[in-house]
Amino acid sequence: MESIKDISFVFNYIIKQIDDGYLKDEFPVIIFDDICKTLDNDILFASTFYNKINELISRDAYFYIVSTQSIVPRIIEKKVFYVELPIMSKDEIRDLLTKKIEEEQTKVLGELTKERVVNALYGLTEEEINNVVKLSIADKDLDDEDVRNINLLKRQIIKKSGLLEFVITEEKMENIGGFKSLKEWIGRKKEIVDRMEEAKRFGVDMPKGIMLFGMPGCGKSLSAKAIANIFGIPLLRLDMGLILGPYVGMSEENMRKAIIQAESISPCVLWIDEIEKALAGVGGSGGSAEVTTRIFGSLLTWMQEKKNMVFVVATSNDLNKMPAEFLRKGRFDEIFFVDFPDEKARREIVEIHLRKRRKDDWKEWLNKIDIEYIIRNTKDYAGSDVEAVISATVEDAFLKNRKYPDPDFIKGFLEDYIPLSESMKEKIKDIKDMCNKFNFKPVEEKEDSNGRKKR
């Protein structure tokens, strides 16, 4: 019924029924299903709809618009009262599950399993929950296999939405050279995540998240993956480019859906990569900037008020484009600065990438590769630069049919190689200036000559 001809016919028919007295003793009600996009994007349709609605209102009639989007079309926003129906709470899901278990005489492997099922079902619609529960208890058992199946279903729902990416990761913090301070900090938070319900009862605030700001190619994205693995919870990646939509209100609606999906998967890690690109233009003028500002406002509000355990990991290479409100205390538990790896960290990175490529004889390679020469000649190299040295060395040995690396190749490679600190010299300077301005916590504490930590 999304054409001017159809909408006019329906309205004219109802108005005639009212005027002819057929509905004299009643308050007529019309329900429109999911027409908000048409109202926002078809001017003629919206204009006809608006005029006809006014005719109905003058005859004491009421109308309801049922929609999956939360943005009220501008043309009718002063005519309507907005009501948002919440998703089912965990208590409601628990009651529904208990009722179904009793009806079907289902065997449950402990209250802990039942609670895991409740957590897994959270975020689904009532219809989806009913269908999944019916399927789960069909075999008269409710066990951890059902929890896995429900999580697989949620993964498919997220994939179909196209707003969030479900990232499968096996990365570990041991795969990152250096980062001692961050590793210790994450270790403390892991204790809270592992004992979440106990921590809540004790009054401990749930971890909110961190921002990793600093040098490109130095392990920020790798850290996001490793954190999810350490916590033992799913990793969702939010691509802000996918949030922006072509229609009025679509971008704000996409952000709302993405937040709901992240909440439904909780506990989880939400990774927002290179967030400065998404928030460029906040506070500016023009249609695009206004949309970005509204999205930013929604994200800020949610980060400040979220109740569920969604640990946000935002990465950034450029805080000059970042709105100041985003850096205030309370948005994140901590903002870490990622610098180029020092000598100790570079040594760890060499070992990590030798173990990765030469699983059986990496120690022999370590003895043959002249690691001291590499460490001395890779000052201000990014982690990805050091990896490039090892990758090229292994490739060279393979092409020369050598069992071990060629020292002359390494020297020649380092003489010709241009690291990020050289190719991006101006940007690197801006990053260091920004770090000095805000005095962020480093991922790797520096030590003075007496072994004392310094910032």
Protein backbone atom coordinates (compact mmCIF):
# COMPACT_ATOMS: atom_id res chain seq x y z
CA MET A 1 0.00 0.00 0.00
CA GLU A 2 2.96 2.31 -0.57
CA SER A 3 1.59 4.34 -3.48
CA ILE A 4 -0.39 7.60 -3.58
CA LYS A 5 -3.31 5.85 -5.27
CA ASP A 6 -3.53 3.13 -2.61
CA ILE A 7 -3.12 5.43 0.37
CA SER A 8 -5.73 7.89 -0.97
CA PHE A 9 -8.22 5.05 -1.55
CA VAL A 10 -7.81 3.69 2.00
CA PHE A 11 -8.13 7.10 3.63
CA ASN A 12 -11.11 8.15 1.50
CA TYR A 13 -12.88 4.89 2.31
CA ILE A 14 -12.38 5.31 6.07
CA ILE A 15 -13.38 8.98 6.01
CA LYS A 16 -16.56 8.08 4.10
CA GLN A 17 -17.37 5.37 6.69
CA ILE A 18 -17.03 7.97 9.46
CA ASP A 19 -19.01 10.66 7.62
CA ASP A 20 -21.81 8.22 6.74
CA GLY A 21 -22.20 7.35 10.41
CA TYR A 22 -21.09 3.72 10.24
CA LEU A 23 -18.42 4.37 12.90
CA LYS A 24 -20.39 7.02 14.81
CA ASP A 25 -20.14 5.44 18.28
CA GLU A 26 -16.52 4.32 18.01
CA PHE A 27 -13.05 5.84 17.78
CA PRO A 28 -11.69 4.57 14.47
CA VAL A 29 -8.13 3.23 14.54
CA ILE A 30 -5.87 2.68 11.53
CA ILE A 31 -2.62 0.69 11.80
CA PHE A 32 0.13 1.29 9.24
CA ASP A 33 2.93 -1.27 9.01
CA ASP A 34 6.51 -0.18 8.25
CA ILE A 35 5.91 2.84 6.00
CA CYS A 36 8.49 5.15 7.61
CA LYS A 37 11.08 4.88 4.83
CA THR A 38 8.47 5.77 2.23
CA LEU A 39 7.36 8.78 4.29
CA ASP A 40 10.94 10.01 4.47
CA ASN A 41 11.90 9.41 0.85
CA ASP A 42 8.74 9.92 -1.25
CA ILE A 43 7.64 13.57 -0.99
CA LEU A 44 4.32 13.16 -2.83
CA PHE A 45 3.36 10.11 -0.78
CA ALA A 46 4.32 11.88 2.47
CA SER A 47 2.35 14.98 1.55
CA THR A 48 -0.79 12.96 0.73
CA PHE A 49 -0.39 10.94 3.93
CA TYR A 50 -0.02 14.10 6.03
CA ASN A 51 -3.14 15.75 4.58
CA LYS A 52 -5.26 12.65 5.02
CA ILE A 53 -4.04 12.13 8.59
CA ASN A 54 -5.21 15.66 9.42
CA GLU A 55 -8.64 14.83 8.02
CA LEU A 56 -8.79 11.74 10.23
CA ILE A 57 -7.66 13.60 13.33
CA SER A 58 -10.42 16.19 12.77
CA ARG A 59 -12.88 13.29 12.93
CA ASP A 60 -11.51 11.96 16.28
CA ALA A 61 -9.79 9.02 14.63
CA TYR A 62 -6.47 7.52 15.77
CA PHE A 63 -3.62 6.01 13.82
CA TYR A 64 -0.69 3.75 14.76
CA ILE A 65 2.52 3.27 12.81
CA VAL A 66 4.35 0.02 13.57
CA SER A 67 7.98 0.17 12.46
CA THR A 68 11.33 -1.57 12.87
CA GLN A 69 13.15 1.77 12.80
CA SER A 70 13.29 4.18 15.70
CA ILE A 71 13.46 7.42 13.72
CA VAL A 72 10.08 9.16 13.40
CA PRO A 73 9.54 10.62 9.89
CA ARG A 74 9.91 14.40 10.10
CA ILE A 75 6.62 15.18 8.39
CA ILE A 76 4.57 13.54 11.18
CA GLU A 77 6.90 13.88 14.20
CA LYS A 78 4.62 16.51 15.82
CA LYS A 79 1.55 14.34 15.26
CA VAL A 80 2.73 11.20 17.02
CA PHE A 81 3.71 9.93 20.47
CA TYR A 82 6.76 7.65 20.23
CA VAL A 83 6.80 4.36 22.15
CA GLU A 84 9.75 1.97 21.91
CA LEU A 85 9.06 -1.66 22.79
CA PRO A 86 12.07 -3.08 24.65
CA ILE A 87 13.62 -6.46 23.94
CA MET A 88 12.77 -9.22 26.39
CA SER A 89 14.61 -8.87 29.69
CA LYS A 90 16.62 -11.74 31.12
CA ASP A 91 13.97 -12.22 33.81
CA GLU A 92 11.27 -12.56 31.14
CA ILE A 93 13.43 -15.00 29.17
CA ARG A 94 14.11 -16.99 32.34
CA ASP A 95 10.37 -17.22 33.11
CA LEU A 96 9.57 -18.30 29.54
CA LEU A 97 12.35 -20.90 29.57
CA THR A 98 11.25 -22.28 32.97
CA LYS A 99 7.67 -22.60 31.73
CA LYS A 100 8.73 -24.44 28.57
CA ILE A 101 11.01 -26.77 30.54
CA GLU A 102 8.17 -27.69 32.90
CA GLU A 103 5.70 -28.17 30.04
CA GLU A 104 8.02 -30.43 28.07
CA GLN A 105 9.54 -32.12 31.15
CA THR A 106 13.00 -31.26 29.91
CA LYS A 107 16.15 -32.33 31.72
CA VAL A 108 18.48 -29.42 32.52
CA LEU A 109 22.15 -30.00 33.29
CA GLY A 110 22.31 -27.65 36.28
CA GLU A 111 21.24 -24.08 36.98
CA LEU A 112 24.51 -22.80 35.50
CA THR A 113 23.60 -24.30 32.11
CA LYS A 114 20.12 -22.78 32.33
CA GLU A 115 21.65 -19.37 33.08
CA ARG A 116 24.00 -19.73 30.10
CA VAL A 117 21.00 -20.44 27.88
CA VAL A 118 19.26 -17.31 29.22
CA ASN A 119 22.37 -15.22 28.47
CA ALA A 120 22.64 -16.75 25.01
CA LEU A 121 18.97 -15.99 24.23
CA TYR A 122 19.23 -12.38 25.39
CA GLY A 123 18.90 -9.93 22.51
CA LEU A 124 16.74 -12.14 20.29
CA THR A 125 13.15 -11.21 19.49
CA GLU A 126 10.31 -12.97 21.30
CA GLU A 127 9.47 -14.95 18.17
CA GLU A 128 13.10 -16.03 17.72
CA ILE A 129 13.34 -17.02 21.39
CA ASN A 130 10.18 -19.14 21.20
CA ASN A 131 11.43 -20.90 18.07
CA VAL A 132 14.92 -21.52 19.47
CA VAL A 133 13.64 -22.78 22.83
CA LYS A 134 11.21 -25.13 21.07
CA LEU A 135 14.08 -26.52 18.98
CA SER A 136 16.50 -26.73 21.93
CA ILE A 137 14.21 -28.78 24.18
CA ALA A 138 12.91 -31.06 21.42
CA ASP A 139 15.36 -33.77 22.57
CA LYS A 140 14.22 -33.33 26.21
CA ASP A 141 17.72 -32.15 27.20
CA LEU A 142 19.06 -28.65 27.75
CA ASP A 143 22.85 -28.64 27.77
CA ASP A 144 25.97 -26.75 26.65
CA GLU A 145 25.42 -27.94 23.08
CA ASP A 146 22.21 -25.89 23.02
CA VAL A 147 24.15 -22.84 24.24
CA ARG A 148 26.61 -23.25 21.35
CA ASN A 149 23.78 -23.64 18.84
CA ILE A 150 22.05 -20.48 20.11
CA ASN A 151 25.30 -18.53 19.82
CA LEU A 152 25.73 -19.82 16.26
CA LEU A 153 22.24 -18.56 15.46
CA LYS A 154 23.08 -15.12 16.87
CA ARG A 155 26.25 -15.08 14.81
CA GLN A 156 24.18 -15.70 11.67
CA ILE A 157 21.73 -12.92 12.63
CA ILE A 158 24.63 -10.49 13.08
CA LYS A 159 26.20 -11.56 9.79
CA LYS A 160 22.92 -11.01 7.92
CA SER A 161 22.56 -7.50 9.34
CA GLY A 162 25.89 -6.45 7.81
CA LEU A 163 26.53 -3.91 10.60
CA LEU A 164 28.91 -5.89 12.79
CA GLU A 165 31.55 -8.48 11.95
CA PHE A 166 31.90 -11.54 14.15
CA VAL A 167 35.69 -12.00 14.31
CA ILE A 168 37.12 -15.45 15.02
CA THR A 169 40.52 -15.01 16.68
CA GLU A 170 43.17 -17.15 18.31
CA GLU A 171 45.60 -14.30 18.91
CA LYS A 172 47.27 -14.17 22.32
CA MET A 173 49.08 -11.40 24.15
CA GLU A 174 52.23 -13.52 23.88
CA ASN A 175 52.09 -12.83 20.14
CA ILE A 176 52.70 -9.13 20.82
CA GLY A 177 56.21 -7.94 21.63
CA GLY A 178 56.43 -5.56 24.62
CA PHE A 179 53.18 -4.03 25.91
CA LYS A 180 54.05 -5.07 29.48
CA SER A 181 51.85 -2.41 31.13
CA LEU A 182 48.85 -3.23 28.93
CA LYS A 183 49.31 -6.97 29.52
CA GLU A 184 49.33 -6.45 33.31
CA TRP A 185 46.29 -4.16 33.12
CA ILE A 186 44.33 -6.65 31.00
CA GLY A 187 45.33 -9.42 33.41
CA ARG A 188 43.63 -7.56 36.26
CA LYS A 189 40.48 -6.97 34.23
CA LYS A 190 40.38 -10.65 33.23
CA GLU A 191 39.92 -11.53 36.91
CA ILE A 192 36.81 -9.34 36.98
CA VAL A 193 35.45 -10.78 33.72
CA ASP A 194 36.00 -14.35 34.97
CA ARG A 195 34.18 -13.59 38.24
CA MET A 196 31.65 -11.16 36.77
CA GLU A 197 28.57 -11.93 38.88
CA GLU A 198 30.62 -12.12 42.07
CA ALA A 199 32.31 -8.80 41.19
CA LYS A 200 28.92 -7.13 40.56
CA ARG A 201 27.60 -8.26 43.94
CA PHE A 202 30.72 -6.88 45.58
CA GLY A 203 30.14 -3.50 43.94
CA VAL A 204 32.91 -3.64 41.33
CA ASP A 205 32.23 -1.64 38.16
CA MET A 206 32.26 -3.68 34.97
CA PRO A 207 35.23 -2.90 32.68
CA LYS A 208 34.16 -0.31 30.08
CA GLY A 209 36.99 -0.50 27.60
CA ILE A 210 40.18 1.13 26.40
CA MET A 211 41.46 3.31 23.59
CA LEU A 212 44.77 2.41 21.96
CA PHE A 213 46.31 5.48 20.35
CA GLY A 214 49.68 5.72 18.69
CA MET A 215 52.06 4.61 16.02
CA PRO A 216 50.74 2.71 13.00
CA GLY A 217 51.81 -0.91 12.58
CA CYS A 218 52.62 -1.40 16.26
CA GLY A 219 49.99 -3.90 17.42
CA LYS A 220 46.81 -1.96 18.20
CA SER A 221 44.51 -4.16 16.10
CA LEU A 222 46.36 -7.29 17.22
CA SER A 223 45.74 -6.24 20.84
CA ALA A 224 41.98 -5.99 20.26
CA LYS A 225 41.93 -9.57 19.01
CA ALA A 226 44.14 -10.82 21.84
CA ILE A 227 42.01 -9.12 24.52
CA ALA A 228 38.88 -10.95 23.37
CA ASN A 229 40.78 -14.22 23.43
CA ILE A 230 42.17 -13.56 26.93
CA PHE A 231 38.73 -12.67 28.27
CA GLY A 232 37.29 -15.74 26.54
CA ILE A 233 34.40 -13.76 25.03
CA PRO A 234 33.29 -13.03 21.41
CA LEU A 235 34.91 -10.25 19.38
CA LEU A 236 32.67 -7.97 17.28
CA ARG A 237 34.15 -5.45 14.86
CA LEU A 238 32.22 -2.26 14.18
CA ASP A 239 32.97 -0.75 10.77
CA MET A 240 31.62 2.79 10.95
CA GLY A 241 31.60 2.94 7.15
CA LEU A 242 28.81 0.34 7.15
CA ILE A 243 26.77 2.38 9.64
CA LEU A 244 26.32 5.32 7.27
CA GLY A 245 23.25 4.83 5.08
CA PRO A 246 21.87 6.69 2.05
CA TYR A 247 18.41 7.47 3.46
CA VAL A 248 17.26 9.98 6.07
CA GLY A 249 17.53 8.46 9.54
CA MET A 250 19.13 5.26 8.29
CA SER A 251 22.59 5.94 9.78
CA GLU A 252 21.18 6.66 13.25
CA GLU A 253 19.01 3.54 12.99
CA ASN A 254 22.00 1.42 11.96
CA MET A 255 23.96 2.63 14.98
CA ARG A 256 21.03 1.81 17.27
CA LYS A 257 20.79 -1.70 15.79
CA ALA A 258 24.54 -2.25 16.07
CA ILE A 259 24.46 -1.27 19.75
CA ILE A 260 21.50 -3.58 20.42
CA GLN A 261 23.31 -6.44 18.67
CA ALA A 262 26.48 -5.86 20.71
CA GLU A 263 24.41 -5.81 23.91
CA SER A 264 22.68 -9.03 22.86
CA ILE A 265 26.02 -10.84 22.47
CA SER A 266 27.38 -9.56 25.81
CA PRO A 267 29.71 -10.29 27.38
CA CYS A 268 31.79 -9.40 24.34
CA VAL A 269 34.54 -7.12 23.04
CA LEU A 270 33.44 -4.42 20.58
CA TRP A 271 36.38 -3.37 18.41
CA ILE A 272 36.13 0.02 16.68
CA ASP A 273 39.14 0.29 14.37
CA GLU A 274 40.56 3.69 13.34
CA ILE A 275 37.68 5.44 15.03
CA GLU A 276 38.93 8.91 14.05
CA LYS A 277 37.89 8.27 10.43
CA ALA A 278 34.33 7.59 11.49
CA LEU A 279 34.04 10.64 13.72
CA ALA A 280 35.61 13.17 11.35
CA GLY A 281 33.18 16.05 10.85
CA VAL A 282 31.52 15.88 14.28
CA GLY A 283 30.33 19.35 15.24
CA GLY A 284 30.62 20.66 11.69
CA SER A 285 27.91 22.04 9.42
CA GLY A 286 26.08 20.39 6.56
CA GLY A 287 23.91 17.29 6.28
CA SER A 288 26.74 14.75 6.48
CA ALA A 289 28.33 16.40 9.53
CA GLU A 290 24.97 16.58 11.31
CA VAL A 291 24.39 12.85 10.76
CA THR A 292 27.90 12.05 12.07
CA THR A 293 27.28 14.26 15.11
CA ARG A 294 24.03 12.44 15.94
CA ILE A 295 25.72 9.04 15.56
CA PHE A 296 28.57 10.21 17.77
CA GLY A 297 26.06 11.39 20.38
CA SER A 298 24.35 8.00 20.40
CA LEU A 299 27.68 6.20 20.79
CA LEU A 300 28.80 8.50 23.61
CA THR A 301 25.55 8.12 25.54
CA TRP A 302 25.64 4.35 25.22
CA MET A 303 29.29 4.12 26.31
CA GLN A 304 28.52 6.21 29.38
CA GLU A 305 25.33 4.40 30.38
CA LYS A 306 25.69 0.78 29.14
CA LYS A 307 24.82 -1.83 31.74
CA ASN A 308 25.90 -5.01 29.98
CA MET A 309 29.50 -6.15 29.71
CA VAL A 310 30.50 -4.83 26.28
CA PHE A 311 34.22 -4.05 26.48
CA VAL A 312 35.01 -1.40 23.86
CA VAL A 313 38.45 -1.39 22.24
CA ALA A 314 38.86 1.70 20.06
CA THR A 315 42.05 2.20 18.04
CA SER A 316 43.27 5.46 16.59
CA ASN A 317 46.28 6.89 14.76
CA ASP A 318 45.14 10.52 14.85
CA LEU A 319 43.46 12.23 17.79
CA ASN A 320 43.46 15.64 16.07
CA LYS A 321 40.21 14.60 14.38
CA MET A 322 38.74 13.22 17.59
CA PRO A 323 36.02 15.21 19.42
CA ALA A 324 37.27 16.27 22.87
CA GLU A 325 34.24 14.70 24.61
CA PHE A 326 35.40 11.27 23.48
CA LEU A 327 38.64 11.54 25.46
CA ARG A 328 37.08 12.51 28.78
CA LYS A 329 37.54 10.20 31.74
CA GLY A 330 34.62 7.85 32.06
CA ARG A 331 34.24 6.96 28.40
CA PHE A 332 37.12 4.48 28.70
CA ASP A 333 38.79 2.88 31.70
CA GLU A 334 42.15 3.91 30.24
CA ILE A 335 43.71 5.46 27.15
CA PHE A 336 47.03 3.82 26.23
CA PHE A 337 49.77 5.23 24.04
CA VAL A 338 51.42 2.77 21.64
CA ASP A 339 54.98 3.85 20.80
CA PHE A 340 57.56 2.22 18.57
CA PRO A 341 58.92 -0.90 20.30
CA ASP A 342 62.11 -0.50 22.35
CA GLU A 343 65.09 -2.88 22.12
CA LYS A 344 63.57 -5.48 24.45
CA ALA A 345 60.24 -5.43 22.59
CA ARG A 346 61.96 -5.67 19.18
CA ARG A 347 63.86 -8.73 20.40
CA GLU A 348 60.53 -10.30 21.42
CA ILE A 349 59.01 -9.45 18.03
CA VAL A 350 61.90 -11.13 16.19
CA GLU A 351 61.42 -14.27 18.30
CA ILE A 352 57.63 -14.24 17.82
CA HIS A 353 57.90 -14.13 14.02
CA LEU A 354 60.66 -16.73 13.89
CA ARG A 355 58.51 -19.08 16.00
CA LYS A 356 55.57 -18.37 13.69
CA ARG A 357 57.52 -19.19 10.49
CA ARG A 358 60.11 -21.72 11.69
CA LYS A 359 58.20 -23.79 14.24
CA ASP A 360 60.74 -26.64 14.49
CA ASP A 361 64.09 -24.85 14.30
CA TRP A 362 63.36 -21.24 15.30
CA LYS A 363 66.00 -21.35 18.07
CA GLU A 364 68.70 -22.34 15.57
CA TRP A 365 67.56 -19.50 13.32
CA LEU A 366 67.72 -17.14 16.28
CA ASN A 367 71.38 -18.10 16.80
CA LYS A 368 72.21 -17.69 13.10
CA ILE A 369 70.27 -14.50 12.33
CA ASP A 370 72.53 -12.04 14.21
CA ILE A 371 69.72 -10.64 16.31
CA GLU A 372 71.99 -8.04 17.92
CA TYR A 373 72.67 -6.49 14.52
CA ILE A 374 68.93 -6.38 13.78
CA ILE A 375 68.13 -4.79 17.16
CA ARG A 376 70.83 -2.11 16.74
CA ASN A 377 69.65 -1.18 13.27
CA THR A 378 65.89 -1.11 13.78
CA LYS A 379 65.50 1.84 16.16
CA ASP A 380 62.14 3.57 15.58
CA TYR A 381 60.91 0.63 13.53
CA ALA A 382 57.25 -0.31 13.90
CA GLY A 383 56.40 -3.87 14.86
CA SER A 384 55.23 -4.42 11.27
CA ASP A 385 58.62 -3.18 10.03
CA VAL A 386 60.47 -5.72 12.19
CA GLU A 387 58.09 -8.42 10.96
CA ALA A 388 58.91 -7.39 7.36
CA VAL A 389 62.63 -7.97 8.07
CA ILE A 390 61.99 -11.51 9.32
CA SER A 391 59.50 -12.31 6.53
CA ALA A 392 61.96 -11.19 3.84
CA THR A 393 64.82 -13.11 5.47
CA VAL A 394 62.86 -16.37 5.56
CA GLU A 395 61.76 -15.87 1.94
CA ASP A 396 65.34 -15.20 0.84
CA ALA A 397 66.62 -18.39 2.54
CA PHE A 398 63.90 -20.42 0.82
CA LEU A 399 64.70 -19.02 -2.63
CA LYS A 400 68.44 -19.68 -2.12
CA ASN A 401 67.77 -23.20 -0.79
CA ARG A 402 69.55 -22.28 2.44
CA LYS A 403 68.83 -24.05 5.74
CA TYR A 404 69.60 -20.90 7.70
CA PRO A 405 69.41 -17.13 7.00
CA ASP A 406 71.95 -15.22 4.94
CA PRO A 407 73.53 -12.50 7.16
CA ASP A 408 74.54 -10.47 4.10
CA PHE A 409 70.94 -10.37 2.90
CA ILE A 410 69.77 -8.98 6.25
CA LYS A 411 72.37 -6.21 6.16
CA GLY A 412 71.48 -5.27 2.59
CA PHE A 413 67.75 -5.37 3.34
CA LEU A 414 68.09 -3.06 6.34
CA GLU A 415 70.26 -0.62 4.37
CA ASP A 416 67.56 -0.24 1.70
CA TYR A 417 64.44 -0.55 3.88
CA ILE A 418 62.42 2.61 4.62
CA PRO A 419 60.49 2.21 7.91
CA LEU A 420 57.18 3.90 8.71
CA SER A 421 59.00 6.41 10.95
CA GLU A 422 60.68 7.75 7.78
CA SER A 423 57.90 7.37 5.22
CA MET A 424 55.34 8.96 7.56
CA LYS A 425 57.66 11.40 9.33
CA GLU A 426 55.18 14.29 9.67
CA LYS A 427 52.36 12.09 10.92
CA ILE A 428 54.68 10.40 13.43
CA LYS A 429 55.67 13.82 14.79
CA ASP A 430 51.99 14.77 15.20
CA ILE A 431 51.31 11.53 17.09
CA LYS A 432 54.21 12.15 19.49
CA ASP A 433 53.11 15.76 20.07
CA MET A 434 49.58 14.56 20.85
CA CYS A 435 50.90 12.00 23.32
CA ASN A 436 53.00 14.64 25.11
CA LYS A 437 49.95 16.91 25.28
CA PHE A 438 47.69 14.36 26.97
CA ASN A 439 50.30 12.26 28.82
CA PHE A 440 48.55 8.95 28.07
CA LYS A 441 49.56 5.77 29.85
CA PRO A 442 52.17 3.92 27.75
CA VAL A 443 51.62 0.26 26.88
CA GLU A 444 55.26 -0.26 27.80
CA GLU A 445 56.62 1.61 30.83
CA LYS A 446 60.03 3.21 30.26
CA GLU A 447 62.68 2.93 32.96
CA ASP A 448 65.35 5.40 34.03
CA SER A 449 68.98 4.50 34.80
CA ASN A 450 67.96 3.41 38.30
CA GLY A 451 65.28 1.02 37.04
CA ARG A 452 62.43 3.30 38.13
CA LYS A 453 59.39 3.59 35.89
CA LYS A 454 58.87 6.92 34.17
CA ARG A 455 56.08 8.34 32.00
